[in-house]
Amino acid sequence: MKAVILAGGLGSRLKPFTNIIPKPLIPICGEQTVLEILLVNLKKNGFEEIFIATNYKAEMIESYLGDGSKYGVRLTFSKEQQPLGTCGPLNLLKEHLHEPFLLMNGDILTEMDLSKLYDVSVGNESMLTVVTKELTRPLDFGNVIIENGFITNIEEKPKIKFIIVTGIYVLKPEVFDFIPDGIYFGIDDLMQTLLEKNLPISSYFTNEYWVDIGRIDDLEDVRKRFEQ
């Protein structure tokens, strides 16, 4: 099975760390980096041919990971000449992706069964499967209930539940018909294009551990979890 990891972002929210190293190479457990944890997990789930789409500090990522043999996988790197978003870089790898493939952001860690996700997605009629998850976040303000001009109740910082896109997908080669060449094009653009054409998009809901290492607080939380 094949997987693509998007590792070209600037990691702006993790500065000053990312002034020196790209976000996917930030150490999490000892010297083990985000990308290394991802590669080991992908190997465990049966993904042995992995493509890494790079941009920011691309040479550092390629030099650090090498050919992937020390992780038991085969690595191929592609480098954007200009930012192409989360879907645009796939066109640089189109000649290698003639079968369904997993797509992941390079700053995500999860304990979900990726091989099961792949098998279910291949059996779907849709050409795009999106992993979704429910998150609960407290509102920073109290919610005031008003009826006929009178306050009847106050909910102090209520928790809000919403469904998010996790940055994990399975795509079939047919999606390349909808990804333009050479321009910035995100996964959200692809989803919107498919919806406008009344083409189905499958949701794969997960309750498993998942974290997007986008902020310094997230990074510290992940490090504590791995230490435990």
C-alpha atoms as a PDB file:
ATOM      1  CA  MET A   1       0.000   0.000   0.000  1.00  0.00           C
ATOM      2  CA  LYS A   2       1.107   3.544  -0.713  1.00  0.00           C
ATOM      3  CA  ALA A   3       0.940   6.702   1.391  1.00  0.00           C
ATOM      4  CA  VAL A   4       1.738  10.373   0.827  1.00  0.00           C
ATOM      5  CA  ILE A   5       2.867  12.618   3.685  1.00  0.00           C
ATOM      6  CA  LEU A   6       2.532  16.384   3.284  1.00  0.00           C
ATOM      7  CA  ALA A   7       5.652  17.873   4.883  1.00  0.00           C
ATOM      8  CA  GLY A   8       6.081  21.205   3.127  1.00  0.00           C
ATOM      9  CA  GLY A   9       4.487  23.652   5.570  1.00  0.00           C
ATOM     10  CA  LEU A  10       6.266  26.550   7.231  1.00  0.00           C
ATOM     11  CA  GLY A  11       5.127  25.652  10.752  1.00  0.00           C
ATOM     12  CA  SER A  12       4.548  29.317  11.558  1.00  0.00           C
ATOM     13  CA  ARG A  13       2.666  28.600  14.799  1.00  0.00           C
ATOM     14  CA  LEU A  14       5.643  26.652  16.153  1.00  0.00           C
ATOM     15  CA  LYS A  15       8.209  29.394  15.839  1.00  0.00           C
ATOM     16  CA  PRO A  16      10.954  29.829  16.992  1.00  0.00           C
ATOM     17  CA  PHE A  17      11.507  26.035  16.711  1.00  0.00           C
ATOM     18  CA  THR A  18      10.675  26.035  13.001  1.00  0.00           C
ATOM     19  CA  ASN A  19      13.108  28.844  12.266  1.00  0.00           C
ATOM     20  CA  ILE A  20      15.790  26.182  12.602  1.00  0.00           C
ATOM     21  CA  ILE A  21      14.152  22.887  11.653  1.00  0.00           C
ATOM     22  CA  PRO A  22      10.978  22.017   9.723  1.00  0.00           C
ATOM     23  CA  LYS A  23       7.979  21.045  11.846  1.00  0.00           C
ATOM     24  CA  PRO A  24       7.989  17.337  10.836  1.00  0.00           C
ATOM     25  CA  LEU A  25      11.533  16.993  12.235  1.00  0.00           C
ATOM     26  CA  ILE A  26      10.750  18.415  15.673  1.00  0.00           C
ATOM     27  CA  PRO A  27      11.734  15.820  18.317  1.00  0.00           C
ATOM     28  CA  ILE A  28       8.858  14.225  20.219  1.00  0.00           C
ATOM     29  CA  CYS A  29      10.290  11.305  22.181  1.00  0.00           C
ATOM     30  CA  GLY A  30      13.995  11.624  22.864  1.00  0.00           C
ATOM     31  CA  GLU A  31      15.469  12.223  19.422  1.00  0.00           C
ATOM     32  CA  GLN A  32      12.567  10.586  17.578  1.00  0.00           C
ATOM     33  CA  THR A  33      10.827  13.106  15.341  1.00  0.00           C
ATOM     34  CA  VAL A  34       7.224  13.523  14.216  1.00  0.00           C
ATOM     35  CA  LEU A  35       8.008  12.125  10.768  1.00  0.00           C
ATOM     36  CA  GLU A  36       9.849   9.120  12.175  1.00  0.00           C
ATOM     37  CA  ILE A  37       6.885   8.239  14.402  1.00  0.00           C
ATOM     38  CA  LEU A  38       4.621   8.577  11.359  1.00  0.00           C
ATOM     39  CA  LEU A  39       6.836   6.306   9.257  1.00  0.00           C
ATOM     40  CA  VAL A  40       7.032   3.614  11.928  1.00  0.00           C
ATOM     41  CA  ASN A  41       3.246   3.708  12.339  1.00  0.00           C
ATOM     42  CA  LEU A  42       2.655   3.520   8.591  1.00  0.00           C
ATOM     43  CA  LYS A  43       4.991   0.539   8.322  1.00  0.00           C
ATOM     44  CA  LYS A  44       3.118  -1.171  11.167  1.00  0.00           C
ATOM     45  CA  ASN A  45      -0.128  -0.642   9.268  1.00  0.00           C
ATOM     46  CA  GLY A  46       1.178  -2.134   6.029  1.00  0.00           C
ATOM     47  CA  PHE A  47       2.222   1.001   4.117  1.00  0.00           C
ATOM     48  CA  GLU A  48       5.700   0.388   2.768  1.00  0.00           C
ATOM     49  CA  GLU A  49       5.929   2.749  -0.217  1.00  0.00           C
ATOM     50  CA  ILE A  50       5.762   6.305   1.069  1.00  0.00           C
ATOM     51  CA  PHE A  51       6.056   9.609  -0.761  1.00  0.00           C
ATOM     52  CA  ILE A  52       6.950  12.797   1.087  1.00  0.00           C
ATOM     53  CA  ALA A  53       5.911  16.118  -0.433  1.00  0.00           C
ATOM     54  CA  THR A  54       8.272  18.855   0.713  1.00  0.00           C
ATOM     55  CA  ASN A  55       8.929  22.563   0.302  1.00  0.00           C
ATOM     56  CA  TYR A  56      10.278  24.392   3.379  1.00  0.00           C
ATOM     57  CA  LYS A  57      13.744  23.071   4.316  1.00  0.00           C
ATOM     58  CA  ALA A  58      13.210  20.145   1.949  1.00  0.00           C
ATOM     59  CA  GLU A  59      16.897  19.206   1.803  1.00  0.00           C
ATOM     60  CA  MET A  60      17.036  18.836   5.577  1.00  0.00           C
ATOM     61  CA  ILE A  61      14.082  16.427   5.580  1.00  0.00           C
ATOM     62  CA  GLU A  62      15.488  14.302   2.755  1.00  0.00           C
ATOM     63  CA  SER A  63      18.960  14.192   4.273  1.00  0.00           C
ATOM     64  CA  TYR A  64      17.618  13.203   7.686  1.00  0.00           C
ATOM     65  CA  LEU A  65      15.328  10.381   6.515  1.00  0.00           C
ATOM     66  CA  GLY A  66      17.403   8.983   3.675  1.00  0.00           C
ATOM     67  CA  ASP A  67      15.863   6.219   1.566  1.00  0.00           C
ATOM     68  CA  GLY A  68      13.650   5.000   4.415  1.00  0.00           C
ATOM     69  CA  SER A  69      15.387   1.640   4.811  1.00  0.00           C
ATOM     70  CA  LYS A  70      16.086   2.190   8.521  1.00  0.00           C
ATOM     71  CA  TYR A  71      12.315   2.429   9.040  1.00  0.00           C
ATOM     72  CA  GLY A  72      11.527  -0.560   6.812  1.00  0.00           C
ATOM     73  CA  VAL A  73       9.903   1.545   4.075  1.00  0.00           C
ATOM     74  CA  ARG A  74      10.792   2.955   0.650  1.00  0.00           C
ATOM     75  CA  LEU A  75      10.822   6.737   0.529  1.00  0.00           C
ATOM     76  CA  THR A  76      10.421   8.988  -2.494  1.00  0.00           C
ATOM     77  CA  PHE A  77      10.628  12.773  -2.140  1.00  0.00           C
ATOM     78  CA  SER A  78       9.059  15.497  -4.240  1.00  0.00           C
ATOM     79  CA  LYS A  79       9.734  19.215  -3.840  1.00  0.00           C
ATOM     80  CA  GLU A  80       7.394  22.052  -4.753  1.00  0.00           C
ATOM     81  CA  GLN A  81       8.946  24.976  -6.588  1.00  0.00           C
ATOM     82  CA  GLN A  82       6.136  27.117  -5.179  1.00  0.00           C
ATOM     83  CA  PRO A  83       3.509  26.473  -2.488  1.00  0.00           C
ATOM     84  CA  LEU A  84       0.788  24.209  -3.919  1.00  0.00           C
ATOM     85  CA  GLY A  85      -1.454  23.622  -0.901  1.00  0.00           C
ATOM     86  CA  THR A  86      -2.528  20.218   0.354  1.00  0.00           C
ATOM     87  CA  CYS A  87      -3.674  18.795  -2.992  1.00  0.00           C
ATOM     88  CA  GLY A  88      -1.505  20.529  -5.577  1.00  0.00           C
ATOM     89  CA  PRO A  89       1.652  18.559  -4.598  1.00  0.00           C
ATOM     90  CA  LEU A  90      -0.100  15.306  -5.506  1.00  0.00           C
ATOM     91  CA  ASN A  91       0.179  16.137  -9.197  1.00  0.00           C
ATOM     92  CA  LEU A  92       3.966  15.970  -8.839  1.00  0.00           C
ATOM     93  CA  LEU A  93       3.540  12.326  -7.813  1.00  0.00           C
ATOM     94  CA  LYS A  94       0.741  11.384 -10.193  1.00  0.00           C
ATOM     95  CA  GLU A  95       2.839   8.926 -12.199  1.00  0.00           C
ATOM     96  CA  HIS A  96       3.404   6.850  -9.036  1.00  0.00           C
ATOM     97  CA  LEU A  97      -0.187   6.818  -7.758  1.00  0.00           C
ATOM     98  CA  HIS A  98      -2.206   4.458  -9.949  1.00  0.00           C
ATOM     99  CA  GLU A  99      -4.050   2.842  -7.042  1.00  0.00           C
ATOM    100  CA  PRO A 100      -5.870   4.138  -3.937  1.00  0.00           C
ATOM    101  CA  PHE A 101      -3.466   5.826  -1.525  1.00  0.00           C
ATOM    102  CA  LEU A 102      -3.416   7.278   1.956  1.00  0.00           C
ATOM    103  CA  LEU A 103      -2.775  11.010   2.367  1.00  0.00           C
ATOM    104  CA  MET A 104      -1.695  12.508   5.699  1.00  0.00           C
ATOM    105  CA  ASN A 105      -0.540  15.850   6.976  1.00  0.00           C
ATOM    106  CA  GLY A 106       3.012  15.621   8.295  1.00  0.00           C
ATOM    107  CA  ASP A 107       2.170  17.084  11.694  1.00  0.00           C
ATOM    108  CA  ILE A 108      -0.419  14.507  12.807  1.00  0.00           C
ATOM    109  CA  LEU A 109      -0.058  11.632  15.233  1.00  0.00           C
ATOM    110  CA  THR A 110      -2.799   9.057  15.706  1.00  0.00           C
ATOM    111  CA  GLU A 111      -3.392   5.581  17.077  1.00  0.00           C
ATOM    112  CA  MET A 112      -6.168   4.706  14.631  1.00  0.00           C
ATOM    113  CA  ASP A 113      -5.986   1.562  12.502  1.00  0.00           C
ATOM    114  CA  LEU A 114      -4.869   2.987   9.155  1.00  0.00           C
ATOM    115  CA  SER A 115      -5.006  -0.364   7.368  1.00  0.00           C
ATOM    116  CA  LYS A 116      -8.682  -0.742   8.306  1.00  0.00           C
ATOM    117  CA  LEU A 117      -9.324   2.815   7.098  1.00  0.00           C
ATOM    118  CA  TYR A 118      -7.695   1.930   3.780  1.00  0.00           C
ATOM    119  CA  ASP A 119      -9.675  -1.288   3.299  1.00  0.00           C
ATOM    120  CA  VAL A 120     -12.998   0.407   4.076  1.00  0.00           C
ATOM    121  CA  SER A 121     -12.186   3.358   1.803  1.00  0.00           C
ATOM    122  CA  VAL A 122     -11.245   1.158  -1.156  1.00  0.00           C
ATOM    123  CA  GLY A 123     -14.674  -0.446  -0.905  1.00  0.00           C
ATOM    124  CA  ASN A 124     -16.478   2.915  -0.929  1.00  0.00           C
ATOM    125  CA  GLU A 125     -18.075   4.206  -4.113  1.00  0.00           C
ATOM    126  CA  SER A 126     -16.555   7.652  -3.571  1.00  0.00           C
ATOM    127  CA  MET A 127     -13.123   8.661  -4.821  1.00  0.00           C
ATOM    128  CA  LEU A 128     -12.345  10.560  -1.595  1.00  0.00           C
ATOM    129  CA  THR A 129     -12.686   9.375   2.003  1.00  0.00           C
ATOM    130  CA  VAL A 130     -12.137  11.921   4.773  1.00  0.00           C
ATOM    131  CA  VAL A 131     -11.328  10.900   8.338  1.00  0.00           C
ATOM    132  CA  THR A 132     -13.481  12.922  10.727  1.00  0.00           C
ATOM    133  CA  LYS A 133     -13.548  13.280  14.508  1.00  0.00           C
ATOM    134  CA  GLU A 134     -15.695  14.971  17.133  1.00  0.00           C
ATOM    135  CA  LEU A 135     -13.965  17.569  19.289  1.00  0.00           C
ATOM    136  CA  THR A 136     -15.299  19.357  22.354  1.00  0.00           C
ATOM    137  CA  ARG A 137     -14.018  22.819  23.174  1.00  0.00           C
ATOM    138  CA  PRO A 138     -15.104  25.258  25.907  1.00  0.00           C
ATOM    139  CA  LEU A 139     -16.512  28.599  24.785  1.00  0.00           C
ATOM    140  CA  ASP A 140     -14.489  31.508  26.184  1.00  0.00           C
ATOM    141  CA  PHE A 141     -17.656  33.414  27.112  1.00  0.00           C
ATOM    142  CA  GLY A 142     -20.866  32.647  28.921  1.00  0.00           C
ATOM    143  CA  ASN A 143     -23.915  31.906  26.765  1.00  0.00           C
ATOM    144  CA  VAL A 144     -26.900  34.064  27.766  1.00  0.00           C
ATOM    145  CA  ILE A 145     -30.413  32.729  27.111  1.00  0.00           C
ATOM    146  CA  ILE A 146     -32.926  35.548  26.467  1.00  0.00           C
ATOM    147  CA  GLU A 147     -36.686  35.200  26.129  1.00  0.00           C
ATOM    148  CA  ASN A 148     -39.033  38.172  25.565  1.00  0.00           C
ATOM    149  CA  GLY A 149     -36.320  40.631  26.566  1.00  0.00           C
ATOM    150  CA  PHE A 150     -35.486  38.907  29.862  1.00  0.00           C
ATOM    151  CA  ILE A 151     -32.461  36.804  30.738  1.00  0.00           C
ATOM    152  CA  THR A 152     -33.726  33.368  31.710  1.00  0.00           C
ATOM    153  CA  ASN A 153     -30.479  31.456  32.048  1.00  0.00           C
ATOM    154  CA  ILE A 154     -26.721  31.747  31.777  1.00  0.00           C
ATOM    155  CA  GLU A 155     -24.509  28.896  30.645  1.00  0.00           C
ATOM    156  CA  GLU A 156     -21.052  29.665  31.958  1.00  0.00           C
ATOM    157  CA  LYS A 157     -18.472  28.799  29.284  1.00  0.00           C
ATOM    158  CA  PRO A 158     -20.458  25.934  27.735  1.00  0.00           C
ATOM    159  CA  LYS A 159     -18.675  23.212  25.819  1.00  0.00           C
ATOM    160  CA  ILE A 160     -19.232  23.139  22.089  1.00  0.00           C
ATOM    161  CA  LYS A 161     -19.102  19.921  20.062  1.00  0.00           C
ATOM    162  CA  PHE A 162     -18.191  19.945  16.400  1.00  0.00           C
ATOM    163  CA  ILE A 163     -16.918  17.564  13.721  1.00  0.00           C
ATOM    164  CA  ILE A 164     -13.493  18.260  12.232  1.00  0.00           C
ATOM    165  CA  VAL A 165     -11.450  17.086   9.268  1.00  0.00           C
ATOM    166  CA  THR A 166      -8.408  15.339  10.742  1.00  0.00           C
ATOM    167  CA  GLY A 167      -5.963  15.742   7.854  1.00  0.00           C
ATOM    168  CA  ILE A 168      -6.095  12.022   7.011  1.00  0.00           C
ATOM    169  CA  TYR A 169      -7.631  10.860   3.733  1.00  0.00           C
ATOM    170  CA  VAL A 170      -7.791   8.011   1.255  1.00  0.00           C
ATOM    171  CA  LEU A 171      -7.933   9.039  -2.396  1.00  0.00           C
ATOM    172  CA  LYS A 172      -8.490   7.059  -5.576  1.00  0.00           C
ATOM    173  CA  PRO A 173      -6.606   7.969  -8.777  1.00  0.00           C
ATOM    174  CA  GLU A 174      -9.779   9.407 -10.336  1.00  0.00           C
ATOM    175  CA  VAL A 175      -9.365  12.510  -8.157  1.00  0.00           C
ATOM    176  CA  PHE A 176      -6.512  13.683 -10.386  1.00  0.00           C
ATOM    177  CA  ASP A 177      -9.136  14.715 -12.949  1.00  0.00           C
ATOM    178  CA  PHE A 178     -10.181  17.426 -10.487  1.00  0.00           C
ATOM    179  CA  ILE A 179      -6.778  18.702  -9.289  1.00  0.00           C
ATOM    180  CA  PRO A 180      -5.370  21.484 -11.504  1.00  0.00           C
ATOM    181  CA  ASP A 181      -1.663  21.610 -12.335  1.00  0.00           C
ATOM    182  CA  GLY A 182       0.739  24.224 -11.052  1.00  0.00           C
ATOM    183  CA  ILE A 183      -1.561  26.258  -8.795  1.00  0.00           C
ATOM    184  CA  TYR A 184      -2.308  26.383  -5.085  1.00  0.00           C
ATOM    185  CA  PHE A 185      -5.109  23.877  -4.480  1.00  0.00           C
ATOM    186  CA  GLY A 186      -6.099  22.537  -1.084  1.00  0.00           C
ATOM    187  CA  ILE A 187      -8.014  19.478   0.035  1.00  0.00           C
ATOM    188  CA  ASP A 188     -10.851  21.856   0.933  1.00  0.00           C
ATOM    189  CA  ASP A 189     -10.878  23.044  -2.686  1.00  0.00           C
ATOM    190  CA  LEU A 190     -11.077  19.431  -3.864  1.00  0.00           C
ATOM    191  CA  MET A 191     -13.940  18.682  -1.504  1.00  0.00           C
ATOM    192  CA  GLN A 192     -15.818  21.776  -2.633  1.00  0.00           C
ATOM    193  CA  THR A 193     -15.282  20.845  -6.291  1.00  0.00           C
ATOM    194  CA  LEU A 194     -16.644  17.336  -5.742  1.00  0.00           C
ATOM    195  CA  LEU A 195     -19.646  18.663  -3.814  1.00  0.00           C
ATOM    196  CA  GLU A 196     -20.451  21.163  -6.576  1.00  0.00           C
ATOM    197  CA  LYS A 197     -20.406  18.290  -9.068  1.00  0.00           C
ATOM    198  CA  ASN A 198     -22.656  16.187  -6.811  1.00  0.00           C
ATOM    199  CA  LEU A 199     -19.944  13.577  -6.415  1.00  0.00           C
ATOM    200  CA  PRO A 200     -19.935  11.660  -3.099  1.00  0.00           C
ATOM    201  CA  ILE A 201     -17.350  12.174  -0.365  1.00  0.00           C
ATOM    202  CA  SER A 202     -17.170   9.460   2.302  1.00  0.00           C
ATOM    203  CA  SER A 203     -16.659  10.199   5.991  1.00  0.00           C
ATOM    204  CA  TYR A 204     -14.697   7.771   8.163  1.00  0.00           C
ATOM    205  CA  PHE A 205     -15.381   8.666  11.787  1.00  0.00           C
ATOM    206  CA  THR A 206     -12.767   7.869  14.441  1.00  0.00           C
ATOM    207  CA  ASN A 207     -12.734   7.990  18.225  1.00  0.00           C
ATOM    208  CA  GLU A 208      -9.076   7.006  18.435  1.00  0.00           C
ATOM    209  CA  TYR A 209      -6.281   9.200  19.763  1.00  0.00           C
ATOM    210  CA  TRP A 210      -5.432  11.962  17.313  1.00  0.00           C
ATOM    211  CA  VAL A 211      -3.480  15.188  17.629  1.00  0.00           C
ATOM    212  CA  ASP A 212      -2.482  17.960  15.258  1.00  0.00           C
ATOM    213  CA  ILE A 213       0.857  19.352  16.437  1.00  0.00           C
ATOM    214  CA  GLY A 214       0.089  22.890  15.348  1.00  0.00           C
ATOM    215  CA  ARG A 215       0.893  24.883  18.460  1.00  0.00           C
ATOM    216  CA  ILE A 216       3.517  24.798  21.188  1.00  0.00           C
ATOM    217  CA  ASP A 217       0.886  23.668  23.735  1.00  0.00           C
ATOM    218  CA  ASP A 218       0.020  20.705  21.501  1.00  0.00           C
ATOM    219  CA  LEU A 219       3.696  19.821  21.193  1.00  0.00           C
ATOM    220  CA  GLU A 220       4.181  19.794  24.963  1.00  0.00           C
ATOM    221  CA  ASP A 221       1.070  17.650  25.481  1.00  0.00           C
ATOM    222  CA  VAL A 222       2.283  15.091  22.937  1.00  0.00           C
ATOM    223  CA  ARG A 223       5.717  14.922  24.520  1.00  0.00           C
ATOM    224  CA  LYS A 224       4.174  14.247  27.943  1.00  0.00           C
ATOM    225  CA  ARG A 225       2.027  11.459  26.473  1.00  0.00           C
ATOM    226  CA  PHE A 226       5.010   9.776  24.841  1.00  0.00           C
ATOM    227  CA  GLU A 227       7.047  10.057  28.031  1.00  0.00           C
ATOM    228  CA  GLN A 228       4.271   8.214  29.876  1.00  0.00           C
END
